[in-house]
Amino acid sequence: MREDIKINDRAAAIGDQLIDKLQTVFDPELGLDVYNLGLIYELDLDENGTLKVITTFTEMVCGCIESMPVDLKAALSKLPDVNEVVVDIAWTPRWKMTRISRLGRMALGISVR
């Protein structure tokens, strides 16, 4: 799991499964998944199976503001330990290109240092 994602113990226990599902949700304008773009800020799975996801967008006028939360819910709801997905949008801290993973930078052709 990325170090810049706040994650509770329950969510960490299924971290690999969460990553797999997050990597199936793409920003259609950039063609990169939300995990490698660094759009996920927090994952919190409670004892009832409710997964709270705090996410952001690359900009406030992002074309996927309506579709991405729906796509996140659909993908993450497929996990056996998840009964419900709640997606909250955060605008602070503001997303920066430095949140893009090394893999994401390579995929986008951004210099990796």
PDB file of N, CA and C in Angstrom:
ATOM      1  N   MET A   1       0.852  -1.183   0.000  1.00  0.00           N
ATOM      2  CA  MET A   1       0.000   0.000   0.000  1.00  0.00           C
ATOM      3  C   MET A   1       0.893   1.239   0.000  1.00  0.00           C
ATOM      4  N   ARG A   2       0.468   2.243  -0.715  1.00  0.00           N
ATOM      5  CA  ARG A   2       1.210   3.501  -0.775  1.00  0.00           C
ATOM      6  C   ARG A   2       1.297   4.133   0.615  1.00  0.00           C
ATOM      7  N   GLU A   3       2.419   4.745   0.888  1.00  0.00           N
ATOM      8  CA  GLU A   3       2.618   5.394   2.184  1.00  0.00           C
ATOM      9  C   GLU A   3       1.788   6.661   2.343  1.00  0.00           C
ATOM     10  N   ASP A   4       1.356   7.248   1.242  1.00  0.00           N
ATOM     11  CA  ASP A   4       0.605   8.505   1.322  1.00  0.00           C
ATOM     12  C   ASP A   4      -0.904   8.289   1.463  1.00  0.00           C
ATOM     13  N   ILE A   5      -1.330   7.042   1.649  1.00  0.00           N
ATOM     14  CA  ILE A   5      -2.738   6.740   1.879  1.00  0.00           C
ATOM     15  C   ILE A   5      -2.914   6.393   3.345  1.00  0.00           C
ATOM     16  N   LYS A   6      -3.815   7.103   4.013  1.00  0.00           N
ATOM     17  CA  LYS A   6      -4.145   6.777   5.392  1.00  0.00           C
ATOM     18  C   LYS A   6      -5.072   5.558   5.345  1.00  0.00           C
ATOM     19  N   ILE A   7      -4.709   4.514   6.104  1.00  0.00           N
ATOM     20  CA  ILE A   7      -5.480   3.278   6.040  1.00  0.00           C
ATOM     21  C   ILE A   7      -5.572   2.669   7.435  1.00  0.00           C
ATOM     22  N   ASN A   8      -6.773   2.220   7.804  1.00  0.00           N
ATOM     23  CA  ASN A   8      -6.915   1.594   9.120  1.00  0.00           C
ATOM     24  C   ASN A   8      -6.543   0.113   9.028  1.00  0.00           C
ATOM     25  N   ASP A   9      -6.471  -0.551  10.162  1.00  0.00           N
ATOM     26  CA  ASP A   9      -6.010  -1.942  10.212  1.00  0.00           C
ATOM     27  C   ASP A   9      -6.895  -2.898   9.425  1.00  0.00           C
ATOM     28  N   ARG A  10      -8.212  -2.725   9.506  1.00  0.00           N
ATOM     29  CA  ARG A  10      -9.128  -3.610   8.777  1.00  0.00           C
ATOM     30  C   ARG A  10      -8.905  -3.500   7.269  1.00  0.00           C
ATOM     31  N   ALA A  11      -8.767  -2.286   6.793  1.00  0.00           N
ATOM     32  CA  ALA A  11      -8.528  -2.082   5.358  1.00  0.00           C
ATOM     33  C   ALA A  11      -7.134  -2.598   4.977  1.00  0.00           C
ATOM     34  N   ALA A  12      -6.158  -2.401   5.843  1.00  0.00           N
ATOM     35  CA  ALA A  12      -4.800  -2.871   5.559  1.00  0.00           C
ATOM     36  C   ALA A  12      -4.762  -4.391   5.417  1.00  0.00           C
ATOM     37  N   ALA A  13      -5.630  -5.081   6.172  1.00  0.00           N
ATOM     38  CA  ALA A  13      -5.669  -6.539   6.113  1.00  0.00           C
ATOM     39  C   ALA A  13      -6.070  -7.049   4.730  1.00  0.00           C
ATOM     40  N   ILE A  14      -6.816  -6.241   3.976  1.00  0.00           N
ATOM     41  CA  ILE A  14      -7.201  -6.623   2.611  1.00  0.00           C
ATOM     42  C   ILE A  14      -6.569  -5.654   1.602  1.00  0.00           C
ATOM     43  N   GLY A  15      -5.448  -5.081   1.984  1.00  0.00           N
ATOM     44  CA  GLY A  15      -4.787  -4.059   1.179  1.00  0.00           C
ATOM     45  C   GLY A  15      -4.518  -4.453  -0.259  1.00  0.00           C
ATOM     46  N   ASP A  16      -4.009  -5.671  -0.479  1.00  0.00           N
ATOM     47  CA  ASP A  16      -3.715  -6.106  -1.846  1.00  0.00           C
ATOM     48  C   ASP A  16      -4.973  -6.186  -2.696  1.00  0.00           C
ATOM     49  N   GLN A  17      -6.064  -6.638  -2.097  1.00  0.00           N
ATOM     50  CA  GLN A  17      -7.337  -6.710  -2.824  1.00  0.00           C
ATOM     51  C   GLN A  17      -7.846  -5.309  -3.144  1.00  0.00           C
ATOM     52  N   LEU A  18      -7.698  -4.392  -2.193  1.00  0.00           N
ATOM     53  CA  LEU A  18      -8.112  -3.003  -2.428  1.00  0.00           C
ATOM     54  C   LEU A  18      -7.314  -2.400  -3.577  1.00  0.00           C
ATOM     55  N   ILE A  19      -6.003  -2.609  -3.557  1.00  0.00           N
ATOM     56  CA  ILE A  19      -5.147  -2.074  -4.626  1.00  0.00           C
ATOM     57  C   ILE A  19      -5.591  -2.627  -5.980  1.00  0.00           C
ATOM     58  N   ASP A  20      -5.825  -3.944  -6.037  1.00  0.00           N
ATOM     59  CA  ASP A  20      -6.254  -4.555  -7.299  1.00  0.00           C
ATOM     60  C   ASP A  20      -7.517  -3.890  -7.842  1.00  0.00           C
ATOM     61  N   LYS A  21      -8.485  -3.627  -6.972  1.00  0.00           N
ATOM     62  CA  LYS A  21      -9.738  -3.007  -7.418  1.00  0.00           C
ATOM     63  C   LYS A  21      -9.533  -1.529  -7.768  1.00  0.00           C
ATOM     64  N   LEU A  22      -8.738  -0.813  -6.978  1.00  0.00           N
ATOM     65  CA  LEU A  22      -8.489   0.607  -7.261  1.00  0.00           C
ATOM     66  C   LEU A  22      -7.783   0.779  -8.607  1.00  0.00           C
ATOM     67  N   GLN A  23      -6.973  -0.196  -8.974  1.00  0.00           N
ATOM     68  CA  GLN A  23      -6.254  -0.118 -10.246  1.00  0.00           C
ATOM     69  C   GLN A  23      -7.143  -0.415 -11.448  1.00  0.00           C
ATOM     70  N   THR A  24      -8.417  -0.706 -11.200  1.00  0.00           N
ATOM     71  CA  THR A  24      -9.360  -0.916 -12.308  1.00  0.00           C
ATOM     72  C   THR A  24     -10.212   0.321 -12.582  1.00  0.00           C
ATOM     73  N   VAL A  25     -10.038   1.359 -11.751  1.00  0.00           N
ATOM     74  CA  VAL A  25     -10.817   2.595 -11.900  1.00  0.00           C
ATOM     75  C   VAL A  25      -9.897   3.658 -12.491  1.00  0.00           C
ATOM     76  N   PHE A  26     -10.241   4.137 -13.682  1.00  0.00           N
ATOM     77  CA  PHE A  26      -9.358   5.035 -14.422  1.00  0.00           C
ATOM     78  C   PHE A  26      -9.890   6.457 -14.517  1.00  0.00           C
ATOM     79  N   ASP A  27      -8.962   7.394 -14.538  1.00  0.00           N
ATOM     80  CA  ASP A  27      -9.271   8.765 -14.916  1.00  0.00           C
ATOM     81  C   ASP A  27      -9.296   8.739 -16.440  1.00  0.00           C
ATOM     82  N   PRO A  28     -10.461   8.946 -17.066  1.00  0.00           N
ATOM     83  CA  PRO A  28     -10.559   8.790 -18.517  1.00  0.00           C
ATOM     84  C   PRO A  28      -9.732   9.801 -19.309  1.00  0.00           C
ATOM     85  N   GLU A  29      -9.468  10.953 -18.722  1.00  0.00           N
ATOM     86  CA  GLU A  29      -8.696  11.969 -19.440  1.00  0.00           C
ATOM     87  C   GLU A  29      -7.212  11.632 -19.468  1.00  0.00           C
ATOM     88  N   LEU A  30      -6.708  11.044 -18.389  1.00  0.00           N
ATOM     89  CA  LEU A  30      -5.284  10.725 -18.303  1.00  0.00           C
ATOM     90  C   LEU A  30      -4.985   9.273 -18.645  1.00  0.00           C
ATOM     91  N   GLY A  31      -5.998   8.415 -18.602  1.00  0.00           N
ATOM     92  CA  GLY A  31      -5.793   7.016 -18.925  1.00  0.00           C
ATOM     93  C   GLY A  31      -4.962   6.263 -17.897  1.00  0.00           C
ATOM     94  N   LEU A  32      -4.999   6.720 -16.653  1.00  0.00           N
ATOM     95  CA  LEU A  32      -4.260   6.073 -15.575  1.00  0.00           C
ATOM     96  C   LEU A  32      -5.210   5.834 -14.414  1.00  0.00           C
ATOM     97  N   ASP A  33      -4.968   4.758 -13.676  1.00  0.00           N
ATOM     98  CA  ASP A  33      -5.868   4.410 -12.580  1.00  0.00           C
ATOM     99  C   ASP A  33      -5.714   5.357 -11.383  1.00  0.00           C
ATOM    100  N   VAL A  34      -6.756   5.398 -10.566  1.00  0.00           N
ATOM    101  CA  VAL A  34      -6.809   6.330  -9.427  1.00  0.00           C
ATOM    102  C   VAL A  34      -5.756   6.029  -8.374  1.00  0.00           C
ATOM    103  N   TYR A  35      -5.369   4.768  -8.247  1.00  0.00           N
ATOM    104  CA  TYR A  35      -4.344   4.390  -7.268  1.00  0.00           C
ATOM    105  C   TYR A  35      -2.985   4.961  -7.664  1.00  0.00           C
ATOM    106  N   ASN A  36      -2.570   4.734  -8.890  1.00  0.00           N
ATOM    107  CA  ASN A  36      -1.265   5.213  -9.341  1.00  0.00           C
ATOM    108  C   ASN A  36      -1.232   6.719  -9.589  1.00  0.00           C
ATOM    109  N   LEU A  37      -2.406   7.318  -9.805  1.00  0.00           N
ATOM    110  CA  LEU A  37      -2.467   8.775  -9.913  1.00  0.00           C
ATOM    111  C   LEU A  37      -2.345   9.454  -8.550  1.00  0.00           C
ATOM    112  N   GLY A  38      -2.540   8.691  -7.494  1.00  0.00           N
ATOM    113  CA  GLY A  38      -2.458   9.271  -6.150  1.00  0.00           C
ATOM    114  C   GLY A  38      -3.723  10.008  -5.757  1.00  0.00           C
ATOM    115  N   LEU A  39      -4.853   9.599  -6.307  1.00  0.00           N
ATOM    116  CA  LEU A  39      -6.115  10.275  -6.007  1.00  0.00           C
ATOM    117  C   LEU A  39      -6.793   9.756  -4.743  1.00  0.00           C
ATOM    118  N   ILE A  40      -6.306   8.658  -4.196  1.00  0.00           N
ATOM    119  CA  ILE A  40      -6.898   8.084  -2.988  1.00  0.00           C
ATOM    120  C   ILE A  40      -6.130   8.593  -1.770  1.00  0.00           C
ATOM    121  N   TYR A  41      -6.850   9.219  -0.850  1.00  0.00           N
ATOM    122  CA  TYR A  41      -6.234   9.769   0.365  1.00  0.00           C
ATOM    123  C   TYR A  41      -6.425   8.874   1.579  1.00  0.00           C
ATOM    124  N   GLU A  42      -7.562   8.181   1.661  1.00  0.00           N
ATOM    125  CA  GLU A  42      -7.843   7.402   2.862  1.00  0.00           C
ATOM    126  C   GLU A  42      -8.759   6.228   2.548  1.00  0.00           C
ATOM    127  N   LEU A  43      -8.506   5.104   3.260  1.00  0.00           N
ATOM    128  CA  LEU A  43      -9.356   3.917   3.181  1.00  0.00           C
ATOM    129  C   LEU A  43      -9.631   3.467   4.605  1.00  0.00           C
ATOM    130  N   ASP A  44     -10.901   3.372   4.959  1.00  0.00           N
ATOM    131  CA  ASP A  44     -11.280   2.996   6.319  1.00  0.00           C
ATOM    132  C   ASP A  44     -12.409   1.971   6.245  1.00  0.00           C
ATOM    133  N   LEU A  45     -12.112   0.754   6.667  1.00  0.00           N
ATOM    134  CA  LEU A  45     -13.094  -0.317   6.646  1.00  0.00           C
ATOM    135  C   LEU A  45     -13.540  -0.582   8.077  1.00  0.00           C
ATOM    136  N   ASP A  46     -14.853  -0.455   8.336  1.00  0.00           N
ATOM    137  CA  ASP A  46     -15.323  -0.667   9.709  1.00  0.00           C
ATOM    138  C   ASP A  46     -15.769  -2.116   9.904  1.00  0.00           C
ATOM    139  N   GLU A  47     -16.181  -2.432  11.150  1.00  0.00           N
ATOM    140  CA  GLU A  47     -16.540  -3.803  11.519  1.00  0.00           C
ATOM    141  C   GLU A  47     -17.808  -4.290  10.831  1.00  0.00           C
ATOM    142  N   ASN A  48     -18.604  -3.380  10.272  1.00  0.00           N
ATOM    143  CA  ASN A  48     -19.823  -3.753   9.549  1.00  0.00           C
ATOM    144  C   ASN A  48     -19.584  -3.961   8.056  1.00  0.00           C
ATOM    145  N   GLY A  49     -18.348  -3.752   7.619  1.00  0.00           N
ATOM    146  CA  GLY A  49     -18.032  -3.909   6.206  1.00  0.00           C
ATOM    147  C   GLY A  49     -18.260  -2.663   5.378  1.00  0.00           C
ATOM    148  N   THR A  50     -18.399  -1.524   6.045  1.00  0.00           N
ATOM    149  CA  THR A  50     -18.524  -0.259   5.319  1.00  0.00           C
ATOM    150  C   THR A  50     -17.129   0.292   5.054  1.00  0.00           C
ATOM    151  N   LEU A  51     -16.825   0.477   3.800  1.00  0.00           N
ATOM    152  CA  LEU A  51     -15.534   1.014   3.385  1.00  0.00           C
ATOM    153  C   LEU A  51     -15.704   2.483   3.035  1.00  0.00           C
ATOM    154  N   LYS A  52     -15.041   3.338   3.782  1.00  0.00           N
ATOM    155  CA  LYS A  52     -15.065   4.772   3.487  1.00  0.00           C
ATOM    156  C   LYS A  52     -13.806   5.095   2.690  1.00  0.00           C
ATOM    157  N   VAL A  53     -14.006   5.713   1.545  1.00  0.00           N
ATOM    158  CA  VAL A  53     -12.915   6.096   0.665  1.00  0.00           C
ATOM    159  C   VAL A  53     -12.903   7.613   0.565  1.00  0.00           C
ATOM    160  N   ILE A  54     -11.773   8.200   0.872  1.00  0.00           N
ATOM    161  CA  ILE A  54     -11.622   9.639   0.658  1.00  0.00           C
ATOM    162  C   ILE A  54     -10.711   9.807  -0.547  1.00  0.00           C
ATOM    163  N   THR A  55     -11.226  10.498  -1.529  1.00  0.00           N
ATOM    164  CA  THR A  55     -10.521  10.665  -2.790  1.00  0.00           C
ATOM    165  C   THR A  55     -10.522  12.129  -3.201  1.00  0.00           C
ATOM    166  N   THR A  56      -9.784  12.433  -4.227  1.00  0.00           N
ATOM    167  CA  THR A  56      -9.753  13.780  -4.777  1.00  0.00           C
ATOM    168  C   THR A  56      -9.680  13.665  -6.294  1.00  0.00           C
ATOM    169  N   PHE A  57      -9.539  14.776  -6.936  1.00  0.00           N
ATOM    170  CA  PHE A  57      -9.412  14.830  -8.393  1.00  0.00           C
ATOM    171  C   PHE A  57      -8.207  15.679  -8.750  1.00  0.00           C
ATOM    172  N   THR A  58      -7.750  15.536  -9.974  1.00  0.00           N
ATOM    173  CA  THR A  58      -6.585  16.309 -10.402  1.00  0.00           C
ATOM    174  C   THR A  58      -6.905  17.796 -10.494  1.00  0.00           C
ATOM    175  N   GLU A  59      -8.169  18.109 -10.735  1.00  0.00           N
ATOM    176  CA  GLU A  59      -8.607  19.506 -10.778  1.00  0.00           C
ATOM    177  C   GLU A  59     -10.110  19.565 -10.502  1.00  0.00           C
ATOM    178  N   MET A  60     -10.593  20.736 -10.126  1.00  0.00           N
ATOM    179  CA  MET A  60     -12.004  20.874  -9.735  1.00  0.00           C
ATOM    180  C   MET A  60     -12.971  20.722 -10.906  1.00  0.00           C
ATOM    181  N   VAL A  61     -12.487  20.843 -12.112  1.00  0.00           N
ATOM    182  CA  VAL A  61     -13.356  20.703 -13.282  1.00  0.00           C
ATOM    183  C   VAL A  61     -13.087  19.390 -14.020  1.00  0.00           C
ATOM    184  N   CYS A  62     -12.603  18.412 -13.300  1.00  0.00           N
ATOM    185  CA  CYS A  62     -12.296  17.100 -13.864  1.00  0.00           C
ATOM    186  C   CYS A  62     -13.555  16.496 -14.487  1.00  0.00           C
ATOM    187  N   GLY A  63     -13.414  15.953 -15.677  1.00  0.00           N
ATOM    188  CA  GLY A  63     -14.544  15.374 -16.384  1.00  0.00           C
ATOM    189  C   GLY A  63     -15.118  14.118 -15.745  1.00  0.00           C
ATOM    190  N   CYS A  64     -14.402  13.549 -14.784  1.00  0.00           N
ATOM    191  CA  CYS A  64     -14.876  12.295 -14.178  1.00  0.00           C
ATOM    192  C   CYS A  64     -15.429  12.503 -12.768  1.00  0.00           C
ATOM    193  N   ILE A  65     -15.754  13.746 -12.418  1.00  0.00           N
ATOM    194  CA  ILE A  65     -16.262  14.037 -11.066  1.00  0.00           C
ATOM    195  C   ILE A  65     -17.541  13.270 -10.771  1.00  0.00           C
ATOM    196  N   GLU A  66     -18.370  13.054 -11.751  1.00  0.00           N
ATOM    197  CA  GLU A  66     -19.619  12.317 -11.549  1.00  0.00           C
ATOM    198  C   GLU A  66     -19.402  10.804 -11.630  1.00  0.00           C
ATOM    199  N   SER A  67     -18.576  10.370 -12.555  1.00  0.00           N
ATOM    200  CA  SER A  67     -18.449   8.934 -12.807  1.00  0.00           C
ATOM    201  C   SER A  67     -17.473   8.215 -11.878  1.00  0.00           C
ATOM    202  N   MET A  68     -16.414   8.859 -11.457  1.00  0.00           N
ATOM    203  CA  MET A  68     -15.409   8.154 -10.664  1.00  0.00           C
ATOM    204  C   MET A  68     -15.943   7.621  -9.332  1.00  0.00           C
ATOM    205  N   PRO A  69     -16.708   8.398  -8.550  1.00  0.00           N
ATOM    206  CA  PRO A  69     -17.259   7.822  -7.315  1.00  0.00           C
ATOM    207  C   PRO A  69     -18.138   6.592  -7.580  1.00  0.00           C
ATOM    208  N   VAL A  70     -18.907   6.623  -8.641  1.00  0.00           N
ATOM    209  CA  VAL A  70     -19.761   5.479  -9.012  1.00  0.00           C
ATOM    210  C   VAL A  70     -18.882   4.280  -9.378  1.00  0.00           C
ATOM    211  N   ASP A  71     -17.829   4.531 -10.147  1.00  0.00           N
ATOM    212  CA  ASP A  71     -16.916   3.465 -10.548  1.00  0.00           C
ATOM    213  C   ASP A  71     -16.182   2.880  -9.344  1.00  0.00           C
ATOM    214  N   LEU A  72     -15.779   3.731  -8.403  1.00  0.00           N
ATOM    215  CA  LEU A  72     -15.119   3.253  -7.183  1.00  0.00           C
ATOM    216  C   LEU A  72     -16.051   2.348  -6.386  1.00  0.00           C
ATOM    217  N   LYS A  73     -17.289   2.788  -6.220  1.00  0.00           N
ATOM    218  CA  LYS A  73     -18.262   1.978  -5.481  1.00  0.00           C
ATOM    219  C   LYS A  73     -18.476   0.630  -6.156  1.00  0.00           C
ATOM    220  N   ALA A  74     -18.614   0.631  -7.464  1.00  0.00           N
ATOM    221  CA  ALA A  74     -18.850  -0.611  -8.191  1.00  0.00           C
ATOM    222  C   ALA A  74     -17.674  -1.575  -8.057  1.00  0.00           C
ATOM    223  N   ALA A  75     -16.466  -1.063  -8.197  1.00  0.00           N
ATOM    224  CA  ALA A  75     -15.279  -1.920  -8.134  1.00  0.00           C
ATOM    225  C   ALA A  75     -15.051  -2.459  -6.727  1.00  0.00           C
ATOM    226  N   LEU A  76     -15.105  -1.586  -5.729  1.00  0.00           N
ATOM    227  CA  LEU A  76     -14.783  -1.984  -4.357  1.00  0.00           C
ATOM    228  C   LEU A  76     -15.885  -2.823  -3.717  1.00  0.00           C
ATOM    229  N   SER A  77     -17.112  -2.682  -4.180  1.00  0.00           N
ATOM    230  CA  SER A  77     -18.230  -3.470  -3.650  1.00  0.00           C
ATOM    231  C   SER A  77     -18.099  -4.947  -3.981  1.00  0.00           C
ATOM    232  N   LYS A  78     -17.261  -5.283  -4.928  1.00  0.00           N
ATOM    233  CA  LYS A  78     -17.072  -6.677  -5.331  1.00  0.00           C
ATOM    234  C   LYS A  78     -16.219  -7.463  -4.335  1.00  0.00           C
ATOM    235  N   LEU A  79     -15.573  -6.771  -3.406  1.00  0.00           N
ATOM    236  CA  LEU A  79     -14.719  -7.457  -2.427  1.00  0.00           C
ATOM    237  C   LEU A  79     -15.579  -8.149  -1.377  1.00  0.00           C
ATOM    238  N   PRO A  80     -15.228  -9.374  -0.988  1.00  0.00           N
ATOM    239  CA  PRO A  80     -16.068 -10.132  -0.052  1.00  0.00           C
ATOM    240  C   PRO A  80     -16.206  -9.480   1.329  1.00  0.00           C
ATOM    241  N   ASP A  81     -15.231  -8.744   1.790  1.00  0.00           N
ATOM    242  CA  ASP A  81     -15.297  -8.122   3.120  1.00  0.00           C
ATOM    243  C   ASP A  81     -16.009  -6.771   3.113  1.00  0.00           C
ATOM    244  N   VAL A  82     -16.410  -6.309   1.937  1.00  0.00           N
ATOM    245  CA  VAL A  82     -17.011  -4.979   1.806  1.00  0.00           C
ATOM    246  C   VAL A  82     -18.507  -5.118   1.523  1.00  0.00           C
ATOM    247  N   ASN A  83     -19.320  -4.553   2.421  1.00  0.00           N
ATOM    248  CA  ASN A  83     -20.775  -4.574   2.259  1.00  0.00           C
ATOM    249  C   ASN A  83     -21.321  -3.280   1.672  1.00  0.00           C
ATOM    250  N   GLU A  84     -20.613  -2.198   1.903  1.00  0.00           N
ATOM    251  CA  GLU A  84     -21.040  -0.881   1.433  1.00  0.00           C
ATOM    252  C   GLU A  84     -19.805  -0.029   1.207  1.00  0.00           C
ATOM    253  N   VAL A  85     -19.873   0.843   0.208  1.00  0.00           N
ATOM    254  CA  VAL A  85     -18.773   1.766  -0.073  1.00  0.00           C
ATOM    255  C   VAL A  85     -19.320   3.184  -0.029  1.00  0.00           C
ATOM    256  N   VAL A  86     -18.655   4.019   0.754  1.00  0.00           N
ATOM    257  CA  VAL A  86     -18.999   5.435   0.857  1.00  0.00           C
ATOM    258  C   VAL A  86     -17.807   6.219   0.315  1.00  0.00           C
ATOM    259  N   VAL A  87     -18.051   7.057  -0.673  1.00  0.00           N
ATOM    260  CA  VAL A  87     -16.974   7.842  -1.281  1.00  0.00           C
ATOM    261  C   VAL A  87     -17.163   9.301  -0.919  1.00  0.00           C
ATOM    262  N   ASP A  88     -16.155   9.871  -0.277  1.00  0.00           N
ATOM    263  CA  ASP A  88     -16.145  11.294   0.047  1.00  0.00           C
ATOM    264  C   ASP A  88     -15.056  11.971  -0.772  1.00  0.00           C
ATOM    265  N   ILE A  89     -15.361  13.177  -1.228  1.00  0.00           N
ATOM    266  CA  ILE A  89     -14.404  13.955  -2.017  1.00  0.00           C
ATOM    267  C   ILE A  89     -13.734  14.981  -1.108  1.00  0.00           C
ATOM    268  N   ALA A  90     -12.423  15.047  -1.179  1.00  0.00           N
ATOM    269  CA  ALA A  90     -11.655  16.036  -0.404  1.00  0.00           C
ATOM    270  C   ALA A  90     -10.896  16.934  -1.386  1.00  0.00           C
ATOM    271  N   TRP A  91     -10.852  18.188  -1.066  1.00  0.00           N
ATOM    272  CA  TRP A  91     -10.095  19.129  -1.900  1.00  0.00           C
ATOM    273  C   TRP A  91      -8.828  19.610  -1.199  1.00  0.00           C
ATOM    274  N   THR A  92      -8.678  19.223   0.060  1.00  0.00           N
ATOM    275  CA  THR A  92      -7.442  19.526   0.774  1.00  0.00           C
ATOM    276  C   THR A  92      -6.956  18.252   1.450  1.00  0.00           C
ATOM    277  N   PRO A  93      -5.704  17.919   1.401  1.00  0.00           N
ATOM    278  CA  PRO A  93      -4.704  18.692   0.671  1.00  0.00           C
ATOM    279  C   PRO A  93      -4.929  18.586  -0.834  1.00  0.00           C
ATOM    280  N   ARG A  94      -4.556  19.626  -1.510  1.00  0.00           N
ATOM    281  CA  ARG A  94      -4.716  19.702  -2.950  1.00  0.00           C
ATOM    282  C   ARG A  94      -3.837  18.647  -3.622  1.00  0.00           C
ATOM    283  N   TRP A  95      -4.379  17.985  -4.634  1.00  0.00           N
ATOM    284  CA  TRP A  95      -3.615  16.986  -5.370  1.00  0.00           C
ATOM    285  C   TRP A  95      -2.462  17.661  -6.097  1.00  0.00           C
ATOM    286  N   LYS A  96      -1.319  16.981  -6.095  1.00  0.00           N
ATOM    287  CA  LYS A  96      -0.133  17.466  -6.814  1.00  0.00           C
ATOM    288  C   LYS A  96       0.426  16.319  -7.647  1.00  0.00           C
ATOM    289  N   MET A  97       1.115  16.662  -8.699  1.00  0.00           N
ATOM    290  CA  MET A  97       1.701  15.647  -9.575  1.00  0.00           C
ATOM    291  C   MET A  97       2.686  14.751  -8.832  1.00  0.00           C
ATOM    292  N   THR A  98       3.238  15.217  -7.736  1.00  0.00           N
ATOM    293  CA  THR A  98       4.180  14.404  -6.964  1.00  0.00           C
ATOM    294  C   THR A  98       3.500  13.186  -6.347  1.00  0.00           C
ATOM    295  N   ARG A  99       2.179  13.154  -6.314  1.00  0.00           N
ATOM    296  CA  ARG A  99       1.443  11.990  -5.790  1.00  0.00           C
ATOM    297  C   ARG A  99       1.394  10.833  -6.789  1.00  0.00           C
ATOM    298  N   ILE A 100       1.716  11.094  -8.041  1.00  0.00           N
ATOM    299  CA  ILE A 100       1.714  10.029  -9.043  1.00  0.00           C
ATOM    300  C   ILE A 100       2.835   9.046  -8.712  1.00  0.00           C
ATOM    301  N   SER A 101       2.501   7.760  -8.711  1.00  0.00           N
ATOM    302  CA  SER A 101       3.491   6.725  -8.397  1.00  0.00           C
ATOM    303  C   SER A 101       4.562   6.642  -9.485  1.00  0.00           C
ATOM    304  N   ARG A 102       5.629   5.950  -9.168  1.00  0.00           N
ATOM    305  CA  ARG A 102       6.707   5.736 -10.149  1.00  0.00           C
ATOM    306  C   ARG A 102       6.156   5.034 -11.392  1.00  0.00           C
ATOM    307  N   LEU A 103       5.341   4.004 -11.174  1.00  0.00           N
ATOM    308  CA  LEU A 103       4.721   3.286 -12.289  1.00  0.00           C
ATOM    309  C   LEU A 103       3.850   4.236 -13.116  1.00  0.00           C
ATOM    310  N   GLY A 104       3.076   5.067 -12.433  1.00  0.00           N
ATOM    311  CA  GLY A 104       2.221   6.030 -13.115  1.00  0.00           C
ATOM    312  C   GLY A 104       3.017   7.037 -13.922  1.00  0.00           C
ATOM    313  N   ARG A 105       4.122   7.490 -13.365  1.00  0.00           N
ATOM    314  CA  ARG A 105       4.980   8.437 -14.091  1.00  0.00           C
ATOM    315  C   ARG A 105       5.536   7.804 -15.361  1.00  0.00           C
ATOM    316  N   MET A 106       5.937   6.559 -15.250  1.00  0.00           N
ATOM    317  CA  MET A 106       6.455   5.866 -16.434  1.00  0.00           C
ATOM    318  C   MET A 106       5.351   5.708 -17.480  1.00  0.00           C
ATOM    319  N   ALA A 107       4.143   5.341 -17.046  1.00  0.00           N
ATOM    320  CA  ALA A 107       3.025   5.158 -17.962  1.00  0.00           C
ATOM    321  C   ALA A 107       2.646   6.449 -18.686  1.00  0.00           C
ATOM    322  N   LEU A 108       2.780   7.564 -17.956  1.00  0.00           N
ATOM    323  CA  LEU A 108       2.426   8.868 -18.537  1.00  0.00           C
ATOM    324  C   LEU A 108       3.594   9.536 -19.270  1.00  0.00           C
ATOM    325  N   GLY A 109       4.767   8.897 -19.228  1.00  0.00           N
ATOM    326  CA  GLY A 109       5.939   9.475 -19.881  1.00  0.00           C
ATOM    327  C   GLY A 109       6.532  10.653 -19.145  1.00  0.00           C
ATOM    328  N   ILE A 110       6.321  10.689 -17.828  1.00  0.00           N
ATOM    329  CA  ILE A 110       6.876  11.757 -16.988  1.00  0.00           C
ATOM    330  C   ILE A 110       8.210  11.272 -16.452  1.00  0.00           C
ATOM    331  N   SER A 111       9.183  12.141 -16.441  1.00  0.00           N
ATOM    332  CA  SER A 111      10.527  11.794 -15.968  1.00  0.00           C
ATOM    333  C   SER A 111      10.457  11.218 -14.549  1.00  0.00           C
ATOM    334  N   VAL A 112      11.115  10.087 -14.363  1.00  0.00           N
ATOM    335  CA  VAL A 112      11.168   9.417 -13.062  1.00  0.00           C
ATOM    336  C   VAL A 112      12.560   9.640 -12.489  1.00  0.00           C
ATOM    337  N   ARG A 113      12.602  10.308 -11.355  1.00  0.00           N
ATOM    338  CA  ARG A 113      13.907  10.595 -10.725  1.00  0.00           C
ATOM    339  C   ARG A 113      14.005   9.944  -9.408  1.00  0.00           C
TER     340      ARG A 113
END
